[in-house]
Amino acid sequence: GRFTISRDNAKNTVYLHMNSLKPEDTAVYYCAAALALKYDDWWA
């Protein structure tokens, strides 16, 4: 409800729109690519 992910395959780019940011959102944010649909596991 606060963040929105999108991609533009023509530009080889993925975006993360972040709204209503909270102090607990403070972190280093990493982009990652996976061949399998195991979207919530970093090791995949």
PDB file of all heavy atoms in Angstrom:
ATOM      1  N   GLY A   1       0.790  -1.215   0.000  1.00  0.00           N
ATOM      2  CA  GLY A   1       0.000   0.000   0.000  1.00  0.00           C
ATOM      3  C   GLY A   1       0.821   1.262   0.000  1.00  0.00           C
ATOM      4  O   GLY A   1       0.280   2.345  -0.263  1.00  0.00           O
ATOM      5  N   ARG A   2       2.108   1.159   0.301  1.00  0.00           N
ATOM      6  CA  ARG A   2       2.993   2.320   0.327  1.00  0.00           C
ATOM      7  C   ARG A   2       4.038   2.278  -0.794  1.00  0.00           C
ATOM      8  O   ARG A   2       4.391   3.318  -1.348  1.00  0.00           O
ATOM      9  CB  ARG A   2       3.722   2.427   1.668  1.00  0.00           C
ATOM     10  CG  ARG A   2       2.790   2.592   2.861  1.00  0.00           C
ATOM     11  CD  ARG A   2       3.575   2.919   4.125  1.00  0.00           C
ATOM     12  NE  ARG A   2       4.495   1.847   4.485  1.00  0.00           N
ATOM     13  CZ  ARG A   2       5.823   2.004   4.583  1.00  0.00           C
ATOM     14  NH1 ARG A   2       6.371   3.189   4.362  1.00  0.00           N
ATOM     15  NH2 ARG A   2       6.588   0.971   4.928  1.00  0.00           N
ATOM     16  N   PHE A   3       4.530   1.095  -1.096  1.00  0.00           N
ATOM     17  CA  PHE A   3       5.569   0.932  -2.113  1.00  0.00           C
ATOM     18  C   PHE A   3       4.981   0.317  -3.371  1.00  0.00           C
ATOM     19  O   PHE A   3       4.067  -0.514  -3.306  1.00  0.00           O
ATOM     20  CB  PHE A   3       6.691   0.019  -1.613  1.00  0.00           C
ATOM     21  CG  PHE A   3       7.539   0.597  -0.516  1.00  0.00           C
ATOM     22  CD1 PHE A   3       7.196   1.777   0.125  1.00  0.00           C
ATOM     23  CD2 PHE A   3       8.696  -0.057  -0.129  1.00  0.00           C
ATOM     24  CE1 PHE A   3       7.983   2.300   1.138  1.00  0.00           C
ATOM     25  CE2 PHE A   3       9.495   0.454   0.887  1.00  0.00           C
ATOM     26  CZ  PHE A   3       9.138   1.632   1.517  1.00  0.00           C
ATOM     27  N   THR A   4       5.528   0.693  -4.512  1.00  0.00           N
ATOM     28  CA  THR A   4       5.109   0.141  -5.792  1.00  0.00           C
ATOM     29  C   THR A   4       6.333  -0.205  -6.624  1.00  0.00           C
ATOM     30  O   THR A   4       7.188   0.649  -6.852  1.00  0.00           O
ATOM     31  CB  THR A   4       4.228   1.125  -6.574  1.00  0.00           C
ATOM     32  OG1 THR A   4       3.074   1.468  -5.799  1.00  0.00           O
ATOM     33  CG2 THR A   4       3.771   0.500  -7.892  1.00  0.00           C
ATOM     34  N   ILE A   5       6.411  -1.451  -7.069  1.00  0.00           N
ATOM     35  CA  ILE A   5       7.496  -1.875  -7.943  1.00  0.00           C
ATOM     36  C   ILE A   5       6.982  -1.937  -9.376  1.00  0.00           C
ATOM     37  O   ILE A   5       5.832  -2.299  -9.626  1.00  0.00           O
ATOM     38  CB  ILE A   5       8.076  -3.235  -7.504  1.00  0.00           C
ATOM     39  CG1 ILE A   5       9.340  -3.570  -8.295  1.00  0.00           C
ATOM     40  CG2 ILE A   5       7.034  -4.341  -7.623  1.00  0.00           C
ATOM     41  CD1 ILE A   5      10.083  -4.798  -7.776  1.00  0.00           C
ATOM     42  N   SER A   6       7.833  -1.573 -10.316  1.00  0.00           N
ATOM     43  CA  SER A   6       7.486  -1.643 -11.725  1.00  0.00           C
ATOM     44  C   SER A   6       8.750  -1.900 -12.531  1.00  0.00           C
ATOM     45  O   SER A   6       9.864  -1.752 -12.023  1.00  0.00           O
ATOM     46  CB  SER A   6       6.792  -0.353 -12.193  1.00  0.00           C
ATOM     47  OG  SER A   6       7.655   0.766 -12.052  1.00  0.00           O
ATOM     48  N   ARG A   7       8.573  -2.301 -13.782  1.00  0.00           N
ATOM     49  CA  ARG A   7       9.728  -2.544 -14.634  1.00  0.00           C
ATOM     50  C   ARG A   7       9.463  -2.065 -16.044  1.00  0.00           C
ATOM     51  O   ARG A   7       8.323  -2.052 -16.514  1.00  0.00           O
ATOM     52  CB  ARG A   7      10.113  -4.029 -14.635  1.00  0.00           C
ATOM     53  CG  ARG A   7       9.094  -4.950 -15.290  1.00  0.00           C
ATOM     54  CD  ARG A   7       9.427  -6.411 -15.020  1.00  0.00           C
ATOM     55  NE  ARG A   7      10.690  -6.815 -15.609  1.00  0.00           N
ATOM     56  CZ  ARG A   7      11.375  -7.899 -15.252  1.00  0.00           C
ATOM     57  NH1 ARG A   7      10.904  -8.686 -14.289  1.00  0.00           N
ATOM     58  NH2 ARG A   7      12.520  -8.196 -15.850  1.00  0.00           N
ATOM     59  N   ASP A   8      10.527  -1.687 -16.715  1.00  0.00           N
ATOM     60  CA  ASP A   8      10.480  -1.287 -18.109  1.00  0.00           C
ATOM     61  C   ASP A   8      11.471  -2.177 -18.839  1.00  0.00           C
ATOM     62  O   ASP A   8      12.681  -1.926 -18.804  1.00  0.00           O
ATOM     63  CB  ASP A   8      10.828   0.190 -18.262  1.00  0.00           C
ATOM     64  CG  ASP A   8      10.638   0.697 -19.677  1.00  0.00           C
ATOM     65  OD1 ASP A   8      10.633  -0.111 -20.624  1.00  0.00           O
ATOM     66  OD2 ASP A   8      10.500   1.931 -19.851  1.00  0.00           O
ATOM     67  N   ASN A   9      10.973  -3.219 -19.479  1.00  0.00           N
ATOM     68  CA  ASN A   9      11.858  -4.179 -20.129  1.00  0.00           C
ATOM     69  C   ASN A   9      12.599  -3.580 -21.319  1.00  0.00           C
ATOM     70  O   ASN A   9      13.684  -4.042 -21.669  1.00  0.00           O
ATOM     71  CB  ASN A   9      11.068  -5.413 -20.567  1.00  0.00           C
ATOM     72  CG  ASN A   9      10.693  -6.303 -19.402  1.00  0.00           C
ATOM     73  OD1 ASN A   9      11.178  -6.127 -18.284  1.00  0.00           O
ATOM     74  ND2 ASN A   9       9.817  -7.269 -19.656  1.00  0.00           N
ATOM     75  N   ALA A  10      12.026  -2.567 -21.941  1.00  0.00           N
ATOM     76  CA  ALA A  10      12.700  -1.899 -23.047  1.00  0.00           C
ATOM     77  C   ALA A  10      13.926  -1.136 -22.578  1.00  0.00           C
ATOM     78  O   ALA A  10      14.870  -0.932 -23.344  1.00  0.00           O
ATOM     79  CB  ALA A  10      11.739  -0.964 -23.768  1.00  0.00           C
ATOM     80  N   LYS A  11      13.917  -0.707 -21.320  1.00  0.00           N
ATOM     81  CA  LYS A  11      15.034   0.039 -20.754  1.00  0.00           C
ATOM     82  C   LYS A  11      15.884  -0.786 -19.799  1.00  0.00           C
ATOM     83  O   LYS A  11      16.838  -0.261 -19.222  1.00  0.00           O
ATOM     84  CB  LYS A  11      14.526   1.284 -20.028  1.00  0.00           C
ATOM     85  CG  LYS A  11      13.849   2.296 -20.929  1.00  0.00           C
ATOM     86  CD  LYS A  11      13.421   3.525 -20.145  1.00  0.00           C
ATOM     87  CE  LYS A  11      12.803   4.567 -21.053  1.00  0.00           C
ATOM     88  NZ  LYS A  11      12.384   5.770 -20.298  1.00  0.00           N
ATOM     89  N   ASN A  12      15.540  -2.061 -19.619  1.00  0.00           N
ATOM     90  CA  ASN A  12      16.258  -2.930 -18.679  1.00  0.00           C
ATOM     91  C   ASN A  12      16.354  -2.298 -17.294  1.00  0.00           C
ATOM     92  O   ASN A  12      17.410  -2.317 -16.648  1.00  0.00           O
ATOM     93  CB  ASN A  12      17.656  -3.258 -19.200  1.00  0.00           C
ATOM     94  CG  ASN A  12      17.636  -4.253 -20.348  1.00  0.00           C
ATOM     95  OD1 ASN A  12      16.582  -4.685 -20.802  1.00  0.00           O
ATOM     96  ND2 ASN A  12      18.815  -4.615 -20.822  1.00  0.00           N
ATOM     97  N   THR A  13      15.243  -1.750 -16.839  1.00  0.00           N
ATOM     98  CA  THR A  13      15.236  -1.013 -15.585  1.00  0.00           C
ATOM     99  C   THR A  13      14.041  -1.409 -14.730  1.00  0.00           C
ATOM    100  O   THR A  13      12.936  -1.590 -15.240  1.00  0.00           O
ATOM    101  CB  THR A  13      15.208   0.501 -15.846  1.00  0.00           C
ATOM    102  OG1 THR A  13      16.350   0.869 -16.630  1.00  0.00           O
ATOM    103  CG2 THR A  13      15.252   1.285 -14.540  1.00  0.00           C
ATOM    104  N   VAL A  14      14.273  -1.534 -13.429  1.00  0.00           N
ATOM    105  CA  VAL A  14      13.212  -1.769 -12.467  1.00  0.00           C
ATOM    106  C   VAL A  14      13.191  -0.598 -11.492  1.00  0.00           C
ATOM    107  O   VAL A  14      14.237  -0.031 -11.169  1.00  0.00           O
ATOM    108  CB  VAL A  14      13.400  -3.119 -11.734  1.00  0.00           C
ATOM    109  CG1 VAL A  14      14.693  -3.140 -10.933  1.00  0.00           C
ATOM    110  CG2 VAL A  14      12.203  -3.419 -10.843  1.00  0.00           C
ATOM    111  N   TYR A  15      11.996  -0.238 -11.036  1.00  0.00           N
ATOM    112  CA  TYR A  15      11.819   0.913 -10.171  1.00  0.00           C
ATOM    113  C   TYR A  15      11.137   0.507  -8.868  1.00  0.00           C
ATOM    114  O   TYR A  15      10.405  -0.474  -8.809  1.00  0.00           O
ATOM    115  CB  TYR A  15      10.959   1.981 -10.844  1.00  0.00           C
ATOM    116  CG  TYR A  15      11.468   2.419 -12.189  1.00  0.00           C
ATOM    117  CD1 TYR A  15      11.001   1.827 -13.355  1.00  0.00           C
ATOM    118  CD2 TYR A  15      12.412   3.438 -12.299  1.00  0.00           C
ATOM    119  CE1 TYR A  15      11.461   2.229 -14.596  1.00  0.00           C
ATOM    120  CE2 TYR A  15      12.882   3.842 -13.532  1.00  0.00           C
ATOM    121  CZ  TYR A  15      12.401   3.243 -14.680  1.00  0.00           C
ATOM    122  OH  TYR A  15      12.865   3.644 -15.905  1.00  0.00           O
ATOM    123  N   LEU A  16      11.366   1.290  -7.849  1.00  0.00           N
ATOM    124  CA  LEU A  16      10.645   1.153  -6.591  1.00  0.00           C
ATOM    125  C   LEU A  16      10.187   2.541  -6.161  1.00  0.00           C
ATOM    126  O   LEU A  16      11.008   3.371  -5.768  1.00  0.00           O
ATOM    127  CB  LEU A  16      11.511   0.522  -5.503  1.00  0.00           C
ATOM    128  CG  LEU A  16      10.800   0.256  -4.173  1.00  0.00           C
ATOM    129  CD1 LEU A  16       9.747  -0.841  -4.345  1.00  0.00           C
ATOM    130  CD2 LEU A  16      11.797  -0.125  -3.083  1.00  0.00           C
ATOM    131  N   HIS A  17       8.894   2.786  -6.266  1.00  0.00           N
ATOM    132  CA  HIS A  17       8.303   4.036  -5.791  1.00  0.00           C
ATOM    133  C   HIS A  17       7.889   3.853  -4.342  1.00  0.00           C
ATOM    134  O   HIS A  17       7.110   2.961  -4.029  1.00  0.00           O
ATOM    135  CB  HIS A  17       7.090   4.421  -6.641  1.00  0.00           C
ATOM    136  CG  HIS A  17       7.433   4.889  -8.009  1.00  0.00           C
ATOM    137  ND1 HIS A  17       7.721   4.024  -9.041  1.00  0.00           N
ATOM    138  CD2 HIS A  17       7.524   6.147  -8.528  1.00  0.00           C
ATOM    139  CE1 HIS A  17       7.978   4.722 -10.140  1.00  0.00           C
ATOM    140  NE2 HIS A  17       7.864   6.007  -9.845  1.00  0.00           N
ATOM    141  N   MET A  18       8.395   4.689  -3.478  1.00  0.00           N
ATOM    142  CA  MET A  18       8.144   4.593  -2.053  1.00  0.00           C
ATOM    143  C   MET A  18       7.397   5.832  -1.591  1.00  0.00           C
ATOM    144  O   MET A  18       7.881   6.949  -1.761  1.00  0.00           O
ATOM    145  CB  MET A  18       9.451   4.431  -1.279  1.00  0.00           C
ATOM    146  CG  MET A  18      10.279   3.237  -1.726  1.00  0.00           C
ATOM    147  SD  MET A  18      11.788   3.020  -0.758  1.00  0.00           S
ATOM    148  CE  MET A  18      12.701   4.474  -1.285  1.00  0.00           C
ATOM    149  N   ASN A  19       6.230   5.628  -1.018  1.00  0.00           N
ATOM    150  CA  ASN A  19       5.407   6.702  -0.498  1.00  0.00           C
ATOM    151  C   ASN A  19       5.190   6.511   0.997  1.00  0.00           C
ATOM    152  O   ASN A  19       5.388   5.427   1.533  1.00  0.00           O
ATOM    153  CB  ASN A  19       4.055   6.748  -1.209  1.00  0.00           C
ATOM    154  CG  ASN A  19       4.163   6.912  -2.706  1.00  0.00           C
ATOM    155  OD1 ASN A  19       3.646   6.100  -3.471  1.00  0.00           O
ATOM    156  ND2 ASN A  19       4.834   7.979  -3.129  1.00  0.00           N
ATOM    157  N   SER A  20       4.751   7.575   1.653  1.00  0.00           N
ATOM    158  CA  SER A  20       4.458   7.531   3.088  1.00  0.00           C
ATOM    159  C   SER A  20       5.590   6.879   3.866  1.00  0.00           C
ATOM    160  O   SER A  20       5.371   5.992   4.697  1.00  0.00           O
ATOM    161  CB  SER A  20       3.140   6.786   3.323  1.00  0.00           C
ATOM    162  OG  SER A  20       2.075   7.413   2.643  1.00  0.00           O
ATOM    163  N   LEU A  21       6.789   7.323   3.614  1.00  0.00           N
ATOM    164  CA  LEU A  21       7.962   6.706   4.220  1.00  0.00           C
ATOM    165  C   LEU A  21       7.985   6.887   5.731  1.00  0.00           C
ATOM    166  O   LEU A  21       7.569   7.923   6.250  1.00  0.00           O
ATOM    167  CB  LEU A  21       9.233   7.278   3.602  1.00  0.00           C
ATOM    168  CG  LEU A  21       9.545   6.731   2.206  1.00  0.00           C
ATOM    169  CD1 LEU A  21      10.544   7.622   1.491  1.00  0.00           C
ATOM    170  CD2 LEU A  21      10.088   5.307   2.316  1.00  0.00           C
ATOM    171  N   LYS A  22       8.480   5.864   6.405  1.00  0.00           N
ATOM    172  CA  LYS A  22       8.586   5.834   7.854  1.00  0.00           C
ATOM    173  C   LYS A  22      10.044   5.690   8.253  1.00  0.00           C
ATOM    174  O   LYS A  22      10.848   5.166   7.484  1.00  0.00           O
ATOM    175  CB  LYS A  22       7.790   4.654   8.421  1.00  0.00           C
ATOM    176  CG  LYS A  22       6.335   4.602   7.992  1.00  0.00           C
ATOM    177  CD  LYS A  22       5.681   3.319   8.483  1.00  0.00           C
ATOM    178  CE  LYS A  22       4.239   3.232   8.044  1.00  0.00           C
ATOM    179  NZ  LYS A  22       3.605   1.966   8.505  1.00  0.00           N
ATOM    180  N   PRO A  23      10.407   6.125   9.463  1.00  0.00           N
ATOM    181  CA  PRO A  23      11.793   5.951   9.909  1.00  0.00           C
ATOM    182  C   PRO A  23      12.267   4.500   9.843  1.00  0.00           C
ATOM    183  O   PRO A  23      13.448   4.256   9.566  1.00  0.00           O
ATOM    184  CB  PRO A  23      11.766   6.460  11.354  1.00  0.00           C
ATOM    185  CG  PRO A  23      10.682   7.485  11.348  1.00  0.00           C
ATOM    186  CD  PRO A  23       9.629   6.930  10.423  1.00  0.00           C
ATOM    187  N   GLU A  24      11.380   3.545  10.072  1.00  0.00           N
ATOM    188  CA  GLU A  24      11.761   2.148  10.012  1.00  0.00           C
ATOM    189  C   GLU A  24      12.052   1.646   8.596  1.00  0.00           C
ATOM    190  O   GLU A  24      12.512   0.518   8.417  1.00  0.00           O
ATOM    191  CB  GLU A  24      10.698   1.249  10.666  1.00  0.00           C
ATOM    192  CG  GLU A  24       9.296   1.478  10.149  1.00  0.00           C
ATOM    193  CD  GLU A  24       8.477   2.387  11.055  1.00  0.00           C
ATOM    194  OE1 GLU A  24       9.010   3.418  11.499  1.00  0.00           O
ATOM    195  OE2 GLU A  24       7.304   2.053  11.318  1.00  0.00           O
ATOM    196  N   ASP A  25      11.792   2.481   7.592  1.00  0.00           N
ATOM    197  CA  ASP A  25      12.175   2.153   6.224  1.00  0.00           C
ATOM    198  C   ASP A  25      13.647   2.439   5.954  1.00  0.00           C
ATOM    199  O   ASP A  25      14.157   2.094   4.880  1.00  0.00           O
ATOM    200  CB  ASP A  25      11.325   2.942   5.219  1.00  0.00           C
ATOM    201  CG  ASP A  25       9.860   2.554   5.257  1.00  0.00           C
ATOM    202  OD1 ASP A  25       9.558   1.346   5.380  1.00  0.00           O
ATOM    203  OD2 ASP A  25       9.009   3.462   5.154  1.00  0.00           O
ATOM    204  N   THR A  26      14.321   3.076   6.889  1.00  0.00           N
ATOM    205  CA  THR A  26      15.730   3.405   6.729  1.00  0.00           C
ATOM    206  C   THR A  26      16.562   2.139   6.580  1.00  0.00           C
ATOM    207  O   THR A  26      16.520   1.250   7.432  1.00  0.00           O
ATOM    208  CB  THR A  26      16.233   4.224   7.920  1.00  0.00           C
ATOM    209  OG1 THR A  26      15.555   5.481   7.952  1.00  0.00           O
ATOM    210  CG2 THR A  26      17.731   4.470   7.820  1.00  0.00           C
ATOM    211  N   ALA A  27      17.312   2.053   5.495  1.00  0.00           N
ATOM    212  CA  ALA A  27      18.120   0.871   5.208  1.00  0.00           C
ATOM    213  C   ALA A  27      18.886   1.090   3.914  1.00  0.00           C
ATOM    214  O   ALA A  27      18.641   2.055   3.187  1.00  0.00           O
ATOM    215  CB  ALA A  27      17.236  -0.376   5.078  1.00  0.00           C
ATOM    216  N   VAL A  28      19.796   0.180   3.636  1.00  0.00           N
ATOM    217  CA  VAL A  28      20.384   0.096   2.306  1.00  0.00           C
ATOM    218  C   VAL A  28      19.462  -0.772   1.461  1.00  0.00           C
ATOM    219  O   VAL A  28      19.112  -1.887   1.861  1.00  0.00           O
ATOM    220  CB  VAL A  28      21.800  -0.497   2.333  1.00  0.00           C
ATOM    221  CG1 VAL A  28      22.345  -0.652   0.920  1.00  0.00           C
ATOM    222  CG2 VAL A  28      22.725   0.396   3.157  1.00  0.00           C
ATOM    223  N   TYR A  29      19.069  -0.277   0.315  1.00  0.00           N
ATOM    224  CA  TYR A  29      18.157  -0.988  -0.569  1.00  0.00           C
ATOM    225  C   TYR A  29      18.928  -1.604  -1.723  1.00  0.00           C
ATOM    226  O   TYR A  29      19.718  -0.930  -2.387  1.00  0.00           O
ATOM    227  CB  TYR A  29      17.081  -0.040  -1.098  1.00  0.00           C
ATOM    228  CG  TYR A  29      16.009   0.246  -0.081  1.00  0.00           C
ATOM    229  CD1 TYR A  29      16.284   1.023   1.043  1.00  0.00           C
ATOM    230  CD2 TYR A  29      14.724  -0.277  -0.226  1.00  0.00           C
ATOM    231  CE1 TYR A  29      15.313   1.266   1.994  1.00  0.00           C
ATOM    232  CE2 TYR A  29      13.743  -0.031   0.715  1.00  0.00           C
ATOM    233  CZ  TYR A  29      14.036   0.735   1.828  1.00  0.00           C
ATOM    234  OH  TYR A  29      13.063   0.985   2.767  1.00  0.00           O
ATOM    235  N   TYR A  30      18.682  -2.894  -1.951  1.00  0.00           N
ATOM    236  CA  TYR A  30      19.384  -3.653  -2.973  1.00  0.00           C
ATOM    237  C   TYR A  30      18.429  -4.144  -4.051  1.00  0.00           C
ATOM    238  O   TYR A  30      17.344  -4.646  -3.747  1.00  0.00           O
ATOM    239  CB  TYR A  30      20.078  -4.870  -2.362  1.00  0.00           C
ATOM    240  CG  TYR A  30      21.144  -4.543  -1.354  1.00  0.00           C
ATOM    241  CD1 TYR A  30      20.845  -4.461  -0.006  1.00  0.00           C
ATOM    242  CD2 TYR A  30      22.457  -4.323  -1.761  1.00  0.00           C
ATOM    243  CE1 TYR A  30      21.824  -4.162   0.928  1.00  0.00           C
ATOM    244  CE2 TYR A  30      23.441  -4.026  -0.840  1.00  0.00           C
ATOM    245  CZ  TYR A  30      23.117  -3.949   0.507  1.00  0.00           C
ATOM    246  OH  TYR A  30      24.094  -3.659   1.429  1.00  0.00           O
ATOM    247  N   CYS A  31      18.848  -4.030  -5.271  1.00  0.00           N
ATOM    248  CA  CYS A  31      18.154  -4.600  -6.406  1.00  0.00           C
ATOM    249  C   CYS A  31      18.704  -5.993  -6.671  1.00  0.00           C
ATOM    250  O   CYS A  31      19.902  -6.228  -6.516  1.00  0.00           O
ATOM    251  CB  CYS A  31      18.356  -3.695  -7.629  1.00  0.00           C
ATOM    252  SG  CYS A  31      17.709  -4.329  -9.180  1.00  0.00           S
ATOM    253  N   ALA A  32      17.840  -6.936  -7.063  1.00  0.00           N
ATOM    254  CA  ALA A  32      18.269  -8.301  -7.312  1.00  0.00           C
ATOM    255  C   ALA A  32      17.474  -8.924  -8.448  1.00  0.00           C
ATOM    256  O   ALA A  32      16.347  -8.519  -8.722  1.00  0.00           O
ATOM    257  CB  ALA A  32      18.119  -9.147  -6.045  1.00  0.00           C
ATOM    258  N   ALA A  33      18.069  -9.926  -9.094  1.00  0.00           N
ATOM    259  CA  ALA A  33      17.454 -10.617 -10.224  1.00  0.00           C
ATOM    260  C   ALA A  33      17.445 -12.115  -9.978  1.00  0.00           C
ATOM    261  O   ALA A  33      18.451 -12.686  -9.555  1.00  0.00           O
ATOM    262  CB  ALA A  33      18.206 -10.296 -11.513  1.00  0.00           C
ATOM    263  N   ALA A  34      16.307 -12.762 -10.273  1.00  0.00           N
ATOM    264  CA  ALA A  34      16.154 -14.198 -10.061  1.00  0.00           C
ATOM    265  C   ALA A  34      15.515 -14.860 -11.278  1.00  0.00           C
ATOM    266  O   ALA A  34      14.629 -14.284 -11.911  1.00  0.00           O
ATOM    267  CB  ALA A  34      15.300 -14.471  -8.823  1.00  0.00           C
ATOM    268  N   LEU A  35      15.947 -16.073 -11.573  1.00  0.00           N
ATOM    269  CA  LEU A  35      15.356 -16.848 -12.661  1.00  0.00           C
ATOM    270  C   LEU A  35      14.125 -17.613 -12.205  1.00  0.00           C
ATOM    271  O   LEU A  35      13.269 -17.944 -13.015  1.00  0.00           O
ATOM    272  CB  LEU A  35      16.378 -17.824 -13.244  1.00  0.00           C
ATOM    273  CG  LEU A  35      17.459 -17.209 -14.128  1.00  0.00           C
ATOM    274  CD1 LEU A  35      18.524 -18.259 -14.444  1.00  0.00           C
ATOM    275  CD2 LEU A  35      16.852 -16.658 -15.406  1.00  0.00           C
ATOM    276  N   ALA A  36      14.019 -17.916 -10.932  1.00  0.00           N
ATOM    277  CA  ALA A  36      12.914 -18.685 -10.385  1.00  0.00           C
ATOM    278  C   ALA A  36      11.947 -17.781  -9.632  1.00  0.00           C
ATOM    279  O   ALA A  36      12.322 -16.713  -9.149  1.00  0.00           O
ATOM    280  CB  ALA A  36      13.425 -19.780  -9.460  1.00  0.00           C
ATOM    281  N   LEU A  37      10.704 -18.236  -9.515  1.00  0.00           N
ATOM    282  CA  LEU A  37       9.691 -17.483  -8.781  1.00  0.00           C
ATOM    283  C   LEU A  37       9.765 -17.862  -7.302  1.00  0.00           C
ATOM    284  O   LEU A  37       8.925 -18.590  -6.772  1.00  0.00           O
ATOM    285  CB  LEU A  37       8.296 -17.754  -9.343  1.00  0.00           C
ATOM    286  CG  LEU A  37       7.157 -16.914  -8.759  1.00  0.00           C
ATOM    287  CD1 LEU A  37       7.446 -15.425  -8.902  1.00  0.00           C
ATOM    288  CD2 LEU A  37       5.844 -17.268  -9.438  1.00  0.00           C
ATOM    289  N   LYS A  38      10.785 -17.361  -6.662  1.00  0.00           N
ATOM    290  CA  LYS A  38      10.973 -17.521  -5.223  1.00  0.00           C
ATOM    291  C   LYS A  38      11.279 -16.133  -4.697  1.00  0.00           C
ATOM    292  O   LYS A  38      12.354 -15.851  -4.175  1.00  0.00           O
ATOM    293  CB  LYS A  38      12.113 -18.506  -4.947  1.00  0.00           C
ATOM    294  CG  LYS A  38      12.218 -18.960  -3.503  1.00  0.00           C
ATOM    295  CD  LYS A  38      11.042 -19.822  -3.105  1.00  0.00           C
ATOM    296  CE  LYS A  38      11.248 -20.391  -1.707  1.00  0.00           C
ATOM    297  NZ  LYS A  38      10.079 -21.194  -1.280  1.00  0.00           N
ATOM    298  N   TYR A  39      10.319 -15.275  -4.824  1.00  0.00           N
ATOM    299  CA  TYR A  39      10.537 -13.836  -4.759  1.00  0.00           C
ATOM    300  C   TYR A  39      10.917 -13.296  -3.394  1.00  0.00           C
ATOM    301  O   TYR A  39      11.546 -12.231  -3.318  1.00  0.00           O
ATOM    302  CB  TYR A  39       9.292 -13.089  -5.256  1.00  0.00           C
ATOM    303  CG  TYR A  39       8.023 -13.422  -4.499  1.00  0.00           C
ATOM    304  CD1 TYR A  39       7.715 -12.788  -3.311  1.00  0.00           C
ATOM    305  CD2 TYR A  39       7.137 -14.372  -4.992  1.00  0.00           C
ATOM    306  CE1 TYR A  39       6.551 -13.092  -2.619  1.00  0.00           C
ATOM    307  CE2 TYR A  39       5.973 -14.684  -4.308  1.00  0.00           C
ATOM    308  CZ  TYR A  39       5.685 -14.039  -3.115  1.00  0.00           C
ATOM    309  OH  TYR A  39       4.538 -14.333  -2.435  1.00  0.00           O
ATOM    310  N   ASP A  40      10.551 -13.982  -2.314  1.00  0.00           N
ATOM    311  CA  ASP A  40      10.773 -13.438  -0.980  1.00  0.00           C
ATOM    312  C   ASP A  40      11.982 -14.025  -0.263  1.00  0.00           C
ATOM    313  O   ASP A  40      12.236 -13.663   0.886  1.00  0.00           O
ATOM    314  CB  ASP A  40       9.529 -13.604  -0.111  1.00  0.00           C
ATOM    315  CG  ASP A  40       9.079 -15.048   0.003  1.00  0.00           C
ATOM    316  OD1 ASP A  40       9.531 -15.882  -0.799  1.00  0.00           O
ATOM    317  OD2 ASP A  40       8.254 -15.332   0.889  1.00  0.00           O
ATOM    318  N   ASP A  41      12.752 -14.875  -0.937  1.00  0.00           N
ATOM    319  CA  ASP A  41      13.938 -15.479  -0.341  1.00  0.00           C
ATOM    320  C   ASP A  41      15.196 -14.912  -0.994  1.00  0.00           C
ATOM    321  O   ASP A  41      15.419 -15.100  -2.183  1.00  0.00           O
ATOM    322  CB  ASP A  41      13.929 -16.997  -0.499  1.00  0.00           C
ATOM    323  CG  ASP A  41      12.856 -17.659   0.344  1.00  0.00           C
ATOM    324  OD1 ASP A  41      12.491 -17.109   1.395  1.00  0.00           O
ATOM    325  OD2 ASP A  41      12.380 -18.745  -0.047  1.00  0.00           O
ATOM    326  N   TRP A  42      16.014 -14.245  -0.200  1.00  0.00           N
ATOM    327  CA  TRP A  42      17.199 -13.603  -0.758  1.00  0.00           C
ATOM    328  C   TRP A  42      18.147 -14.586  -1.417  1.00  0.00           C
ATOM    329  O   TRP A  42      18.805 -14.262  -2.412  1.00  0.00           O
ATOM    330  CB  TRP A  42      17.943 -12.816   0.340  1.00  0.00           C
ATOM    331  CG  TRP A  42      18.518 -13.676   1.423  1.00  0.00           C
ATOM    332  CD1 TRP A  42      17.929 -14.001   2.607  1.00  0.00           C
ATOM    333  CD2 TRP A  42      19.791 -14.325   1.412  1.00  0.00           C
ATOM    334  NE1 TRP A  42      18.757 -14.810   3.341  1.00  0.00           N
ATOM    335  CE2 TRP A  42      19.906 -15.023   2.635  1.00  0.00           C
ATOM    336  CE3 TRP A  42      20.847 -14.370   0.494  1.00  0.00           C
ATOM    337  CZ2 TRP A  42      21.033 -15.775   2.959  1.00  0.00           C
ATOM    338  CZ3 TRP A  42      21.973 -15.117   0.817  1.00  0.00           C
ATOM    339  CH2 TRP A  42      22.055 -15.803   2.035  1.00  0.00           C
ATOM    340  N   TRP A  43      18.204 -15.811  -0.886  1.00  0.00           N
ATOM    341  CA  TRP A  43      19.146 -16.809  -1.392  1.00  0.00           C
ATOM    342  C   TRP A  43      18.757 -17.358  -2.750  1.00  0.00           C
ATOM    343  O   TRP A  43      19.562 -18.020  -3.404  1.00  0.00           O
ATOM    344  CB  TRP A  43      19.308 -17.958  -0.388  1.00  0.00           C
ATOM    345  CG  TRP A  43      18.007 -18.499   0.152  1.00  0.00           C
ATOM    346  CD1 TRP A  43      17.421 -18.182   1.344  1.00  0.00           C
ATOM    347  CD2 TRP A  43      17.141 -19.438  -0.482  1.00  0.00           C
ATOM    348  NE1 TRP A  43      16.239 -18.873   1.499  1.00  0.00           N
ATOM    349  CE2 TRP A  43      16.043 -19.653   0.401  1.00  0.00           C
ATOM    350  CE3 TRP A  43      17.185 -20.133  -1.695  1.00  0.00           C
ATOM    351  CZ2 TRP A  43      15.003 -20.523   0.093  1.00  0.00           C
ATOM    352  CZ3 TRP A  43      16.144 -20.990  -2.001  1.00  0.00           C
ATOM    353  CH2 TRP A  43      15.074 -21.180  -1.121  1.00  0.00           C
ATOM    354  N   ALA A  44      17.535 -17.096  -3.198  1.00  0.00           N
ATOM    355  CA  ALA A  44      17.084 -17.571  -4.493  1.00  0.00           C
ATOM    356  C   ALA A  44      17.472 -16.637  -5.636  1.00  0.00           C
ATOM    357  O   ALA A  44      17.291 -16.994  -6.798  1.00  0.00           O
ATOM    358  CB  ALA A  44      15.569 -17.763  -4.483  1.00  0.00           C
TER     359      ALA A  44
END
